[in-house]
């Protein structure tokens, strides 16, 4: 009796190709190699994505008050670019002065802005979390619909890998839903 062997799908990285871009969904702790830029879900005051262990430098309280008085919040739907290796893209999808703090239109605008900035910066590999699903209540299937609209509406000259940062088993759901949305 002959044994049948088959490869078991590990489930950590799911992908397909669309417009010459490898769309891959995998957990944050399993990046698909070197990433040129990472997107972070952010609020208008740029405090949401700050690392918890980040300790701001000692600043005189009066100077700090002047800086706070002069601070102009970012516009929801925009993207702020910071740092290098990898570049940090702060997708402003929340305004903590409102309830709820997020709007679907801000998430879609931010996705468009991320792709626009990625092309302008000639980014080839980009890590994108499921915006609005962590600190907001956007369903991950709705995120894939917004993402699919953004992907189909633009031309990409530089982007070759889009890493959708999603935990197992959501990563598999995202790929299935995105394939359906993109008719692949």
Protein backbone atom coordinates (compact mmCIF):
# COMPACT_ATOMS: atom_id res chain seq x y z
CA UNK A 1 0.00 0.00 0.00
CA UNK A 2 1.43 3.32 -1.13
CA UNK A 3 1.31 6.31 1.24
CA UNK A 4 0.08 9.63 -0.08
CA UNK A 5 2.09 12.63 1.08
CA UNK A 6 0.92 16.20 0.81
CA UNK A 7 2.22 19.58 1.93
CA UNK A 8 0.31 21.05 4.85
CA UNK A 9 -0.29 24.78 4.54
CA UNK A 10 1.30 26.44 7.59
CA UNK A 11 -1.00 29.45 7.44
CA UNK A 12 1.49 32.14 8.42
CA UNK A 13 1.87 33.78 5.02
CA UNK A 14 -0.95 33.88 2.49
CA UNK A 15 -0.51 35.74 -0.79
CA UNK A 16 -1.45 36.34 -4.42
CA UNK A 17 -0.29 38.71 -7.18
CA UNK A 18 -2.28 41.75 -8.37
CA UNK A 19 -0.92 44.39 -10.79
CA UNK A 20 2.61 42.95 -10.35
CA UNK A 21 2.30 43.46 -6.58
CA UNK A 22 2.59 40.50 -4.24
CA UNK A 23 -0.25 40.97 -1.73
CA UNK A 24 0.77 39.00 1.33
CA UNK A 25 -1.00 38.74 4.69
CA UNK A 26 1.02 37.61 7.70
CA UNK A 27 1.35 38.38 11.42
CA UNK A 28 3.57 41.30 12.52
CA UNK A 29 6.17 38.97 14.03
CA UNK A 30 6.68 37.22 10.66
CA UNK A 31 7.65 39.94 8.17
CA UNK A 32 8.32 38.76 4.61
CA UNK A 33 11.90 40.07 4.55
CA UNK A 34 13.20 43.64 4.51
CA UNK A 35 10.41 46.23 4.49
CA UNK A 36 11.07 49.73 3.12
CA UNK A 37 8.16 51.37 4.95
CA UNK A 38 5.73 50.49 7.74
CA UNK A 39 2.33 52.10 8.26
CA UNK A 40 0.99 52.78 11.76
CA UNK A 41 -2.57 53.56 12.80
CA UNK A 42 -2.45 57.10 14.23
CA UNK A 43 -4.55 59.91 15.69
CA UNK A 44 -4.52 63.63 14.81
CA UNK A 45 -2.25 64.41 17.78
CA UNK A 46 0.33 61.75 16.77
CA UNK A 47 0.34 59.96 20.11
CA UNK A 48 -1.38 56.66 19.31
CA UNK A 49 1.50 54.86 17.59
CA UNK A 50 4.18 56.05 20.02
CA UNK A 51 5.96 53.15 21.66
CA UNK A 52 4.89 52.59 25.30
CA UNK A 53 8.48 52.48 26.49
CA UNK A 54 9.23 55.80 24.75
CA UNK A 55 10.37 58.38 27.31
CA UNK A 56 10.31 61.93 25.99
CA UNK A 57 13.42 64.01 26.63
CA UNK A 58 13.33 66.28 29.65
CA UNK A 59 11.89 69.62 28.56
CA UNK A 60 11.27 72.63 30.70
CA UNK A 61 7.53 72.79 31.54
CA UNK A 62 7.11 76.33 30.19
CA UNK A 63 8.70 75.38 26.87
CA UNK A 64 6.49 72.27 26.73
CA UNK A 65 3.36 74.40 27.31
CA UNK A 66 4.39 76.76 24.47
CA UNK A 67 4.95 73.79 22.14
CA UNK A 68 1.55 72.35 23.05
CA UNK A 69 -0.18 75.70 22.48
CA UNK A 70 1.39 75.98 19.02
CA UNK A 71 0.66 72.37 18.04
CA UNK A 72 -1.71 71.98 15.10
CA UNK A 73 -3.34 68.53 14.89
CA UNK A 74 -2.93 66.55 11.68
CA UNK A 75 -5.90 66.25 9.33
CA UNK A 76 -7.70 62.89 9.57
CA UNK A 77 -7.19 60.94 6.34
CA UNK A 78 -3.64 62.25 5.92
CA UNK A 79 -0.31 60.47 6.30
CA UNK A 80 2.77 61.79 8.09
CA UNK A 81 6.13 60.35 7.00
CA UNK A 82 8.88 59.96 9.61
CA UNK A 83 12.21 58.19 10.00
CA UNK A 84 14.15 55.82 7.81
CA UNK A 85 15.04 52.12 7.70
CA UNK A 86 12.16 51.48 7.65
CA UNK A 87 10.25 54.66 6.88
CA UNK A 88 7.33 55.14 9.30
CA UNK A 89 4.07 56.25 7.72
CA UNK A 90 1.59 57.50 10.30
CA UNK A 91 -1.91 57.06 8.85
CA UNK A 92 -4.14 59.55 10.66
CA UNK A 93 -7.44 57.67 10.97
CA UNK A 94 -8.48 58.83 14.46
CA UNK A 95 -9.40 62.09 16.15
CA UNK A 96 -9.49 61.43 19.89
CA UNK A 97 -11.56 64.58 20.45
CA UNK A 98 -14.51 62.89 18.70
CA UNK A 99 -16.69 59.90 19.52
CA UNK A 100 -16.29 57.59 17.69
CA UNK A 101 -12.67 58.52 17.08
CA UNK A 102 -12.59 57.18 13.50
CA UNK A 103 -14.55 57.45 10.26
CA UNK A 104 -14.52 55.08 7.31
CA UNK A 105 -13.79 57.93 4.91
CA UNK A 106 -10.63 58.83 6.90
CA UNK A 107 -9.43 55.24 6.62
CA UNK A 108 -9.99 55.16 2.86
CA UNK A 109 -8.31 58.56 2.40
CA UNK A 110 -5.36 57.35 4.46
CA UNK A 111 -4.97 54.21 2.34
CA UNK A 112 -4.93 56.38 -0.79
CA UNK A 113 -2.41 58.75 0.83
CA UNK A 114 -0.17 55.84 1.88
CA UNK A 115 -0.02 54.57 -1.71
CA UNK A 116 0.54 58.09 -3.05
CA UNK A 117 3.46 58.66 -0.65
CA UNK A 118 4.85 55.18 -1.31
CA UNK A 119 5.00 55.89 -5.04
CA UNK A 120 6.51 59.35 -4.49
CA UNK A 121 9.20 57.80 -2.25
CA UNK A 122 9.73 54.87 -4.69
CA UNK A 123 8.93 52.33 -1.99
CA UNK A 124 9.06 48.71 -3.17
CA UNK A 125 7.98 46.91 0.02
CA UNK A 126 5.30 48.24 2.35
CA UNK A 127 3.81 46.91 5.59
CA UNK A 128 0.18 47.93 6.13
CA UNK A 129 -1.90 46.98 9.19
CA UNK A 130 -5.67 46.65 8.89
CA UNK A 131 -6.36 50.32 9.62
CA UNK A 132 -9.35 51.02 11.83
CA UNK A 133 -9.61 47.45 13.08
CA UNK A 134 -7.30 47.80 16.09
CA UNK A 135 -8.30 51.06 17.79
CA UNK A 136 -11.55 51.43 15.86
CA UNK A 137 -14.39 49.03 15.20
CA UNK A 138 -13.99 48.61 11.45
CA UNK A 139 -14.60 45.02 10.37
CA UNK A 140 -11.60 43.50 8.59
CA UNK A 141 -13.80 42.52 5.63
CA UNK A 142 -14.84 46.16 5.23
CA UNK A 143 -11.16 47.13 5.36
CA UNK A 144 -10.48 44.75 2.44
CA UNK A 145 -13.27 46.43 0.44
CA UNK A 146 -11.71 49.86 1.03
CA UNK A 147 -8.24 48.52 0.21
CA UNK A 148 -9.47 46.87 -2.99
CA UNK A 149 -11.02 50.16 -4.14
CA UNK A 150 -7.73 51.93 -3.57
CA UNK A 151 -5.69 49.22 -5.32
CA UNK A 152 -7.90 49.21 -8.42
CA UNK A 153 -8.08 52.99 -8.71
CA UNK A 154 -4.38 53.69 -9.10
CA UNK A 155 -1.29 52.75 -11.06
CA UNK A 156 1.80 51.44 -9.27
CA UNK A 157 5.27 51.92 -10.70
CA UNK A 158 7.40 50.97 -7.71
CA UNK A 159 5.45 48.93 -5.15
CA UNK A 160 6.16 45.20 -5.52
CA UNK A 161 5.17 43.79 -2.11
CA UNK A 162 2.28 44.85 0.10
CA UNK A 163 2.48 43.08 3.47
CA UNK A 164 -0.93 43.19 5.11
CA UNK A 165 -0.17 42.85 8.80
CA UNK A 166 -2.84 40.52 10.19
CA UNK A 167 -2.90 37.75 12.79
CA UNK A 168 -3.68 34.10 12.04
CA UNK A 169 -6.44 33.17 11.01
CA UNK A 170 -7.49 36.69 9.92
CA UNK A 171 -4.61 36.71 7.41
CA UNK A 172 -6.23 33.87 5.42
CA UNK A 173 -9.65 35.58 5.55
CA UNK A 174 -8.13 38.82 4.28
CA UNK A 175 -6.53 37.14 1.27
CA UNK A 176 -9.74 35.28 0.37
CA UNK A 177 -11.83 38.45 0.70
CA UNK A 178 -9.31 40.58 -1.21
CA UNK A 179 -9.10 38.06 -4.07
CA UNK A 180 -12.89 38.18 -4.31
CA UNK A 181 -12.98 41.99 -4.25
CA UNK A 182 -10.26 42.22 -6.92
CA UNK A 183 -11.78 39.44 -9.08
CA UNK A 184 -8.59 37.35 -8.95
